[in-house]
Amino acid sequence: MRLRLGDRESPILRAGYICMAVFAGVCAAPLAYAAAECAAPDGCAAKACRIDAQIAQVKAGGDVHRLPALERARAELVHCSDDGLKQKRKMALEQAQQRIDKREADLKSAQTKGDPKKIKAAQKKLDGAHHAFDEIQSSPL
């Protein structure tokens, strides 16, 4: 497919096609390799590596709708600090624990009322809160 501006082929478009072809060849390497490389660094370096891998995956897969958000996130890493990430994680864990405490209280309340539907719903919400806590705890910085 050739795109033309008037009667002449656009050199910008031609250069774009060449770049896409080269990039597609570079991105043909498995993303598992990129993920393995990202496991080694810690903190902001790991976050940058994960975002870079996602950007490469999006460009290789053609999902251009996610690309601007990922590029913005990558640009915002200029302000990233490992201490800041640790503090955010600590706050997220505290909030998740508060949600667990609330869900446990809701479950006890439902159990005292004896309504099986409410008990089941409260247990499901508590399980979800535990799952969210575990995900935060096991996630890298």
N, C-alpha and C. Protein backbone atom coordinates (compact mmCIF):
# COMPACT_ATOMS: atom_id res chain seq x y z
N MET A 1 0.85 -1.18 0.00
CA MET A 1 0.00 0.00 0.00
C MET A 1 0.88 1.23 0.00
N ARG A 2 0.66 2.12 -0.93
CA ARG A 2 1.43 3.35 -1.01
C ARG A 2 0.50 4.53 -0.82
N LEU A 3 0.88 5.38 0.09
CA LEU A 3 0.12 6.61 0.29
C LEU A 3 0.82 7.72 -0.46
N ARG A 4 0.07 8.50 -1.13
CA ARG A 4 0.66 9.57 -1.92
C ARG A 4 0.01 10.90 -1.56
N LEU A 5 0.81 11.91 -1.59
CA LEU A 5 0.32 13.26 -1.43
C LEU A 5 0.39 13.89 -2.81
N GLY A 6 -0.74 14.09 -3.41
CA GLY A 6 -0.75 14.57 -4.79
C GLY A 6 -0.22 13.49 -5.70
N ASP A 7 0.74 13.85 -6.56
CA ASP A 7 1.34 12.88 -7.47
C ASP A 7 2.65 12.31 -6.94
N ARG A 8 3.11 12.80 -5.79
CA ARG A 8 4.41 12.38 -5.30
C ARG A 8 4.25 11.60 -4.00
N GLU A 9 5.07 10.61 -3.80
CA GLU A 9 5.06 9.84 -2.56
C GLU A 9 5.74 10.67 -1.48
N SER A 10 5.16 10.69 -0.32
CA SER A 10 5.68 11.48 0.77
C SER A 10 6.93 10.82 1.36
N PRO A 11 8.06 11.54 1.45
CA PRO A 11 9.26 10.94 2.04
C PRO A 11 9.06 10.67 3.54
N ILE A 12 8.23 11.45 4.18
CA ILE A 12 7.96 11.24 5.61
C ILE A 12 7.23 9.92 5.80
N LEU A 13 6.23 9.66 4.96
CA LEU A 13 5.51 8.40 5.06
C LEU A 13 6.42 7.22 4.76
N ARG A 14 7.28 7.38 3.74
CA ARG A 14 8.20 6.31 3.39
C ARG A 14 9.15 6.03 4.56
N ALA A 15 9.67 7.06 5.20
CA ALA A 15 10.56 6.89 6.36
C ALA A 15 9.80 6.24 7.50
N GLY A 16 8.53 6.59 7.64
CA GLY A 16 7.71 5.98 8.69
C GLY A 16 7.54 4.49 8.48
N TYR A 17 7.33 4.09 7.23
CA TYR A 17 7.18 2.67 6.92
C TYR A 17 8.48 1.92 7.22
N ILE A 18 9.60 2.53 6.88
CA ILE A 18 10.89 1.90 7.14
C ILE A 18 11.08 1.72 8.64
N CYS A 19 10.78 2.77 9.41
CA CYS A 19 10.92 2.69 10.87
C CYS A 19 10.01 1.61 11.45
N MET A 20 8.77 1.53 10.94
CA MET A 20 7.86 0.51 11.45
C MET A 20 8.38 -0.89 11.14
N ALA A 21 8.95 -1.07 9.96
CA ALA A 21 9.46 -2.38 9.58
C ALA A 21 10.65 -2.75 10.46
N VAL A 22 11.53 -1.80 10.70
CA VAL A 22 12.69 -2.06 11.55
C VAL A 22 12.22 -2.35 12.97
N PHE A 23 11.28 -1.55 13.47
CA PHE A 23 10.79 -1.74 14.83
C PHE A 23 10.11 -3.09 14.97
N ALA A 24 9.34 -3.48 13.99
CA ALA A 24 8.66 -4.78 14.05
C ALA A 24 9.68 -5.91 14.14
N GLY A 25 10.80 -5.78 13.43
CA GLY A 25 11.84 -6.80 13.52
C GLY A 25 12.49 -6.83 14.89
N VAL A 26 12.68 -5.66 15.48
CA VAL A 26 13.27 -5.59 16.82
C VAL A 26 12.32 -6.15 17.85
N CYS A 27 11.04 -5.89 17.68
CA CYS A 27 10.05 -6.33 18.65
C CYS A 27 9.66 -7.79 18.49
N ALA A 28 10.21 -8.44 17.51
CA ALA A 28 9.86 -9.84 17.31
C ALA A 28 10.44 -10.73 18.41
N ALA A 29 11.42 -10.20 19.15
CA ALA A 29 11.97 -10.98 20.28
C ALA A 29 10.88 -11.19 21.31
N PRO A 30 10.91 -12.31 21.97
CA PRO A 30 9.85 -12.60 22.94
C PRO A 30 9.85 -11.60 24.09
N LEU A 31 8.64 -11.23 24.51
CA LEU A 31 8.51 -10.28 25.60
C LEU A 31 8.84 -10.91 26.95
N ALA A 32 8.87 -12.22 27.01
CA ALA A 32 9.27 -12.89 28.25
C ALA A 32 10.70 -12.53 28.60
N TYR A 33 11.54 -12.37 27.58
CA TYR A 33 12.92 -11.98 27.80
C TYR A 33 12.97 -10.60 28.43
N ALA A 34 12.16 -9.67 27.92
CA ALA A 34 12.12 -8.32 28.48
C ALA A 34 11.62 -8.35 29.91
N ALA A 35 10.63 -9.19 30.19
CA ALA A 35 10.10 -9.28 31.55
C ALA A 35 11.16 -9.85 32.49
N ALA A 36 11.97 -10.78 32.02
CA ALA A 36 13.02 -11.35 32.86
C ALA A 36 14.06 -10.30 33.19
N GLU A 37 14.37 -9.42 32.23
CA GLU A 37 15.32 -8.35 32.48
C GLU A 37 14.77 -7.37 33.49
N CYS A 38 13.48 -7.15 33.49
CA CYS A 38 12.86 -6.19 34.39
C CYS A 38 12.82 -6.70 35.83
N ALA A 39 12.97 -7.99 36.01
CA ALA A 39 12.90 -8.53 37.37
C ALA A 39 14.14 -8.18 38.17
N ALA A 40 15.25 -7.93 37.51
CA ALA A 40 16.49 -7.66 38.22
C ALA A 40 16.52 -6.30 38.90
N PRO A 41 16.20 -5.19 38.22
CA PRO A 41 16.27 -3.89 38.89
C PRO A 41 15.16 -3.73 39.92
N ASP A 42 15.30 -2.72 40.73
CA ASP A 42 14.34 -2.49 41.80
C ASP A 42 13.85 -1.05 41.72
N GLY A 43 12.69 -0.80 42.24
CA GLY A 43 12.17 0.56 42.36
C GLY A 43 11.84 1.19 41.02
N CYS A 44 12.30 2.42 40.85
CA CYS A 44 11.99 3.19 39.65
C CYS A 44 12.57 2.55 38.39
N ALA A 45 13.73 1.93 38.50
CA ALA A 45 14.33 1.27 37.33
C ALA A 45 13.45 0.12 36.86
N ALA A 46 12.91 -0.63 37.80
CA ALA A 46 12.02 -1.74 37.43
C ALA A 46 10.73 -1.22 36.81
N LYS A 47 10.21 -0.13 37.38
CA LYS A 47 8.98 0.45 36.85
C LYS A 47 9.21 0.95 35.42
N ALA A 48 10.34 1.60 35.19
CA ALA A 48 10.67 2.09 33.84
C ALA A 48 10.80 0.92 32.87
N CYS A 49 11.43 -0.14 33.32
CA CYS A 49 11.61 -1.32 32.47
C CYS A 49 10.27 -1.95 32.11
N ARG A 50 9.36 -2.05 33.09
CA ARG A 50 8.04 -2.62 32.81
C ARG A 50 7.26 -1.75 31.84
N ILE A 51 7.32 -0.43 32.00
CA ILE A 51 6.61 0.47 31.09
C ILE A 51 7.21 0.37 29.69
N ASP A 52 8.53 0.30 29.59
CA ASP A 52 9.18 0.15 28.28
C ASP A 52 8.74 -1.14 27.59
N ALA A 53 8.64 -2.21 28.37
CA ALA A 53 8.20 -3.49 27.80
C ALA A 53 6.76 -3.39 27.32
N GLN A 54 5.91 -2.69 28.08
CA GLN A 54 4.52 -2.51 27.67
C GLN A 54 4.44 -1.67 26.41
N ILE A 55 5.26 -0.62 26.32
CA ILE A 55 5.28 0.22 25.12
C ILE A 55 5.69 -0.61 23.91
N ALA A 56 6.71 -1.43 24.06
CA ALA A 56 7.16 -2.29 22.95
C ALA A 56 6.06 -3.26 22.55
N GLN A 57 5.37 -3.82 23.53
CA GLN A 57 4.29 -4.75 23.25
C GLN A 57 3.15 -4.06 22.51
N VAL A 58 2.80 -2.85 22.94
CA VAL A 58 1.72 -2.11 22.30
C VAL A 58 2.10 -1.75 20.87
N LYS A 59 3.34 -1.31 20.66
CA LYS A 59 3.77 -0.96 19.31
C LYS A 59 3.82 -2.18 18.41
N ALA A 60 4.23 -3.30 18.95
CA ALA A 60 4.30 -4.53 18.15
C ALA A 60 2.91 -5.05 17.83
N GLY A 61 1.98 -4.89 18.78
CA GLY A 61 0.63 -5.40 18.60
C GLY A 61 -0.28 -4.44 17.87
N GLY A 62 0.12 -3.20 17.72
CA GLY A 62 -0.69 -2.23 17.00
C GLY A 62 -1.80 -1.59 17.81
N ASP A 63 -1.78 -1.75 19.11
CA ASP A 63 -2.81 -1.15 19.98
C ASP A 63 -2.41 0.28 20.29
N VAL A 64 -2.60 1.15 19.32
CA VAL A 64 -2.12 2.53 19.44
C VAL A 64 -2.92 3.37 20.43
N HIS A 65 -4.06 2.89 20.87
CA HIS A 65 -4.88 3.66 21.81
C HIS A 65 -4.24 3.74 23.19
N ARG A 66 -3.48 2.72 23.57
CA ARG A 66 -2.83 2.71 24.88
C ARG A 66 -1.50 3.44 24.88
N LEU A 67 -0.96 3.68 23.71
CA LEU A 67 0.39 4.23 23.60
C LEU A 67 0.55 5.61 24.26
N PRO A 68 -0.33 6.58 24.05
CA PRO A 68 -0.13 7.89 24.68
C PRO A 68 -0.08 7.82 26.21
N ALA A 69 -0.93 7.02 26.81
CA ALA A 69 -0.93 6.91 28.28
C ALA A 69 0.37 6.29 28.77
N LEU A 70 0.85 5.27 28.06
CA LEU A 70 2.11 4.65 28.46
C LEU A 70 3.28 5.60 28.28
N GLU A 71 3.28 6.35 27.20
CA GLU A 71 4.37 7.31 26.98
C GLU A 71 4.34 8.42 28.02
N ARG A 72 3.14 8.83 28.43
CA ARG A 72 3.01 9.83 29.50
C ARG A 72 3.55 9.28 30.82
N ALA A 73 3.19 8.03 31.11
CA ALA A 73 3.67 7.40 32.34
C ALA A 73 5.19 7.29 32.32
N ARG A 74 5.76 6.97 31.16
CA ARG A 74 7.22 6.88 31.05
C ARG A 74 7.86 8.24 31.26
N ALA A 75 7.26 9.30 30.72
CA ALA A 75 7.81 10.64 30.88
C ALA A 75 7.72 11.12 32.33
N GLU A 76 6.68 10.70 33.04
CA GLU A 76 6.51 11.10 34.43
C GLU A 76 7.49 10.42 35.37
N LEU A 77 8.19 9.40 34.90
CA LEU A 77 9.17 8.72 35.74
C LEU A 77 10.38 9.59 36.06
N VAL A 78 10.47 10.74 35.43
CA VAL A 78 11.53 11.68 35.75
C VAL A 78 11.43 12.08 37.23
N HIS A 79 10.21 12.12 37.74
CA HIS A 79 9.95 12.52 39.12
C HIS A 79 9.91 11.34 40.07
N CYS A 80 10.23 10.17 39.60
CA CYS A 80 10.13 8.95 40.41
C CYS A 80 11.29 8.85 41.39
N SER A 81 10.97 8.39 42.59
CA SER A 81 12.02 8.08 43.57
C SER A 81 11.66 6.76 44.24
N ASP A 82 12.68 6.00 44.58
CA ASP A 82 12.44 4.71 45.22
C ASP A 82 11.73 4.88 46.56
N ASP A 83 12.11 5.92 47.30
CA ASP A 83 11.45 6.18 48.59
C ASP A 83 9.97 6.52 48.38
N GLY A 84 9.69 7.29 47.34
CA GLY A 84 8.30 7.63 47.03
C GLY A 84 7.47 6.40 46.70
N LEU A 85 8.06 5.49 45.93
CA LEU A 85 7.35 4.24 45.58
C LEU A 85 7.10 3.40 46.83
N LYS A 86 8.09 3.34 47.72
CA LYS A 86 7.91 2.57 48.96
C LYS A 86 6.81 3.18 49.81
N GLN A 87 6.76 4.51 49.86
CA GLN A 87 5.72 5.19 50.64
C GLN A 87 4.34 4.93 50.04
N LYS A 88 4.22 4.99 48.72
CA LYS A 88 2.94 4.70 48.07
C LYS A 88 2.48 3.28 48.34
N ARG A 89 3.43 2.35 48.29
CA ARG A 89 3.10 0.95 48.54
C ARG A 89 2.64 0.77 49.99
N LYS A 90 3.33 1.42 50.90
CA LYS A 90 2.96 1.33 52.32
C LYS A 90 1.55 1.86 52.53
N MET A 91 1.23 2.98 51.89
CA MET A 91 -0.12 3.55 52.01
C MET A 91 -1.16 2.62 51.40
N ALA A 92 -0.84 2.02 50.26
CA ALA A 92 -1.77 1.11 49.61
C ALA A 92 -2.03 -0.12 50.47
N LEU A 93 -0.98 -0.63 51.12
CA LEU A 93 -1.16 -1.77 52.02
C LEU A 93 -2.02 -1.40 53.23
N GLU A 94 -1.82 -0.20 53.77
CA GLU A 94 -2.63 0.25 54.91
C GLU A 94 -4.10 0.37 54.51
N GLN A 95 -4.36 0.94 53.32
CA GLN A 95 -5.74 1.08 52.86
C GLN A 95 -6.37 -0.29 52.61
N ALA A 96 -5.59 -1.21 52.05
CA ALA A 96 -6.11 -2.56 51.80
C ALA A 96 -6.42 -3.26 53.13
N GLN A 97 -5.59 -3.05 54.13
CA GLN A 97 -5.85 -3.65 55.44
C GLN A 97 -7.11 -3.05 56.07
N GLN A 98 -7.31 -1.76 55.88
CA GLN A 98 -8.54 -1.12 56.39
C GLN A 98 -9.77 -1.70 55.71
N ARG A 99 -9.66 -1.97 54.40
CA ARG A 99 -10.77 -2.59 53.69
C ARG A 99 -11.04 -4.00 54.22
N ILE A 100 -9.98 -4.74 54.51
CA ILE A 100 -10.15 -6.08 55.08
C ILE A 100 -10.86 -5.99 56.42
N ASP A 101 -10.43 -5.06 57.27
CA ASP A 101 -11.06 -4.90 58.58
C ASP A 101 -12.54 -4.57 58.45
N LYS A 102 -12.87 -3.68 57.50
CA LYS A 102 -14.27 -3.31 57.28
C LYS A 102 -15.08 -4.51 56.79
N ARG A 103 -14.50 -5.26 55.86
CA ARG A 103 -15.20 -6.43 55.31
C ARG A 103 -15.39 -7.51 56.37
N GLU A 104 -14.43 -7.66 57.28
CA GLU A 104 -14.59 -8.63 58.37
C GLU A 104 -15.72 -8.21 59.30
N ALA A 105 -15.81 -6.90 59.57
CA ALA A 105 -16.90 -6.39 60.41
C ALA A 105 -18.24 -6.60 59.72
N ASP A 106 -18.29 -6.37 58.42
CA ASP A 106 -19.52 -6.59 57.66
C ASP A 106 -19.93 -8.07 57.70
N LEU A 107 -18.95 -8.96 57.60
CA LEU A 107 -19.23 -10.39 57.65
C LEU A 107 -19.77 -10.79 59.02
N LYS A 108 -19.18 -10.28 60.08
CA LYS A 108 -19.67 -10.59 61.43
C LYS A 108 -21.09 -10.08 61.63
N SER A 109 -21.37 -8.90 61.09
CA SER A 109 -22.71 -8.34 61.18
C SER A 109 -23.71 -9.22 60.43
N ALA A 110 -23.32 -9.67 59.25
CA ALA A 110 -24.20 -10.53 58.46
C ALA A 110 -24.41 -11.87 59.16
N GLN A 111 -23.37 -12.37 59.80
CA GLN A 111 -23.49 -13.65 60.51
C GLN A 111 -24.43 -13.53 61.72
N THR A 112 -24.41 -12.39 62.40
CA THR A 112 -25.31 -12.22 63.54
C THR A 112 -26.76 -12.12 63.08
N LYS A 113 -26.97 -11.57 61.89
CA LYS A 113 -28.33 -11.48 61.36
C LYS A 113 -28.81 -12.83 60.84
N GLY A 114 -27.88 -13.67 60.40
CA GLY A 114 -28.22 -15.02 59.97
C GLY A 114 -28.77 -15.14 58.56
N ASP A 115 -28.68 -14.11 57.75
CA ASP A 115 -29.17 -14.17 56.37
C ASP A 115 -28.09 -14.80 55.48
N PRO A 116 -28.36 -15.98 54.93
CA PRO A 116 -27.34 -16.68 54.13
C PRO A 116 -26.86 -15.89 52.91
N LYS A 117 -27.77 -15.16 52.26
CA LYS A 117 -27.37 -14.37 51.09
C LYS A 117 -26.38 -13.28 51.49
N LYS A 118 -26.67 -12.60 52.59
CA LYS A 118 -25.79 -11.52 53.04
C LYS A 118 -24.45 -12.07 53.52
N ILE A 119 -24.49 -13.23 54.16
CA ILE A 119 -23.24 -13.86 54.62
C ILE A 119 -22.37 -14.21 53.42
N LYS A 120 -22.99 -14.80 52.40
CA LYS A 120 -22.24 -15.19 51.20
C LYS A 120 -21.66 -13.96 50.50
N ALA A 121 -22.45 -12.89 50.39
CA ALA A 121 -21.97 -11.67 49.74
C ALA A 121 -20.84 -11.03 50.54
N ALA A 122 -20.98 -11.01 51.86
CA ALA A 122 -19.94 -10.43 52.70
C ALA A 122 -18.66 -11.24 52.63
N GLN A 123 -18.79 -12.56 52.59
CA GLN A 123 -17.61 -13.43 52.48
C GLN A 123 -16.90 -13.21 51.15
N LYS A 124 -17.69 -13.05 50.10
CA LYS A 124 -17.12 -12.81 48.77
C LYS A 124 -16.34 -11.49 48.75
N LYS A 125 -16.91 -10.45 49.37
CA LYS A 125 -16.23 -9.16 49.43
C LYS A 125 -14.95 -9.25 50.27
N LEU A 126 -15.01 -10.02 51.36
CA LEU A 126 -13.82 -10.19 52.20
C LEU A 126 -12.73 -10.93 51.43
N ASP A 127 -13.11 -11.95 50.69
CA ASP A 127 -12.14 -12.69 49.88
C ASP A 127 -11.49 -11.77 48.84
N GLY A 128 -12.29 -10.90 48.25
CA GLY A 128 -11.76 -9.94 47.28
C GLY A 128 -10.79 -8.96 47.93
N ALA A 129 -11.10 -8.52 49.14
CA ALA A 129 -10.21 -7.61 49.85
C ALA A 129 -8.89 -8.29 50.20
N HIS A 130 -8.96 -9.55 50.60
CA HIS A 130 -7.73 -10.32 50.88
C HIS A 130 -6.91 -10.49 49.60
N HIS A 131 -7.58 -10.76 48.50
CA HIS A 131 -6.89 -10.93 47.22
C HIS A 131 -6.18 -9.63 46.82
N ALA A 132 -6.86 -8.49 46.97
CA ALA A 132 -6.27 -7.20 46.63
C ALA A 132 -5.04 -6.93 47.50
N PHE A 133 -5.14 -7.23 48.79
CA PHE A 133 -4.02 -7.04 49.71
C PHE A 133 -2.84 -7.90 49.28
N ASP A 134 -3.10 -9.16 48.94
CA ASP A 134 -2.04 -10.06 48.52
C ASP A 134 -1.36 -9.60 47.23
N GLU A 135 -2.15 -9.06 46.31
CA GLU A 135 -1.59 -8.56 45.06
C GLU A 135 -0.67 -7.38 45.31
N ILE A 136 -1.09 -6.46 46.18
CA ILE A 136 -0.26 -5.31 46.50
C ILE A 136 1.03 -5.76 47.17
N GLN A 137 0.89 -6.70 48.09
CA GLN A 137 2.04 -7.19 48.84
C GLN A 137 3.05 -7.92 47.94
N SER A 138 2.56 -8.65 46.97
CA SER A 138 3.46 -9.42 46.12
C SER A 138 3.96 -8.65 44.91
N SER A 139 3.36 -7.50 44.63
CA SER A 139 3.77 -6.74 43.45
C SER A 139 5.11 -6.07 43.70
N PRO A 140 5.90 -5.90 42.62
CA PRO A 140 7.16 -5.19 42.77
C PRO A 140 6.90 -3.71 43.02
N LEU A 141 7.90 -3.04 43.53
CA LEU A 141 7.73 -1.60 43.81
C LEU A 141 7.33 -0.82 42.61
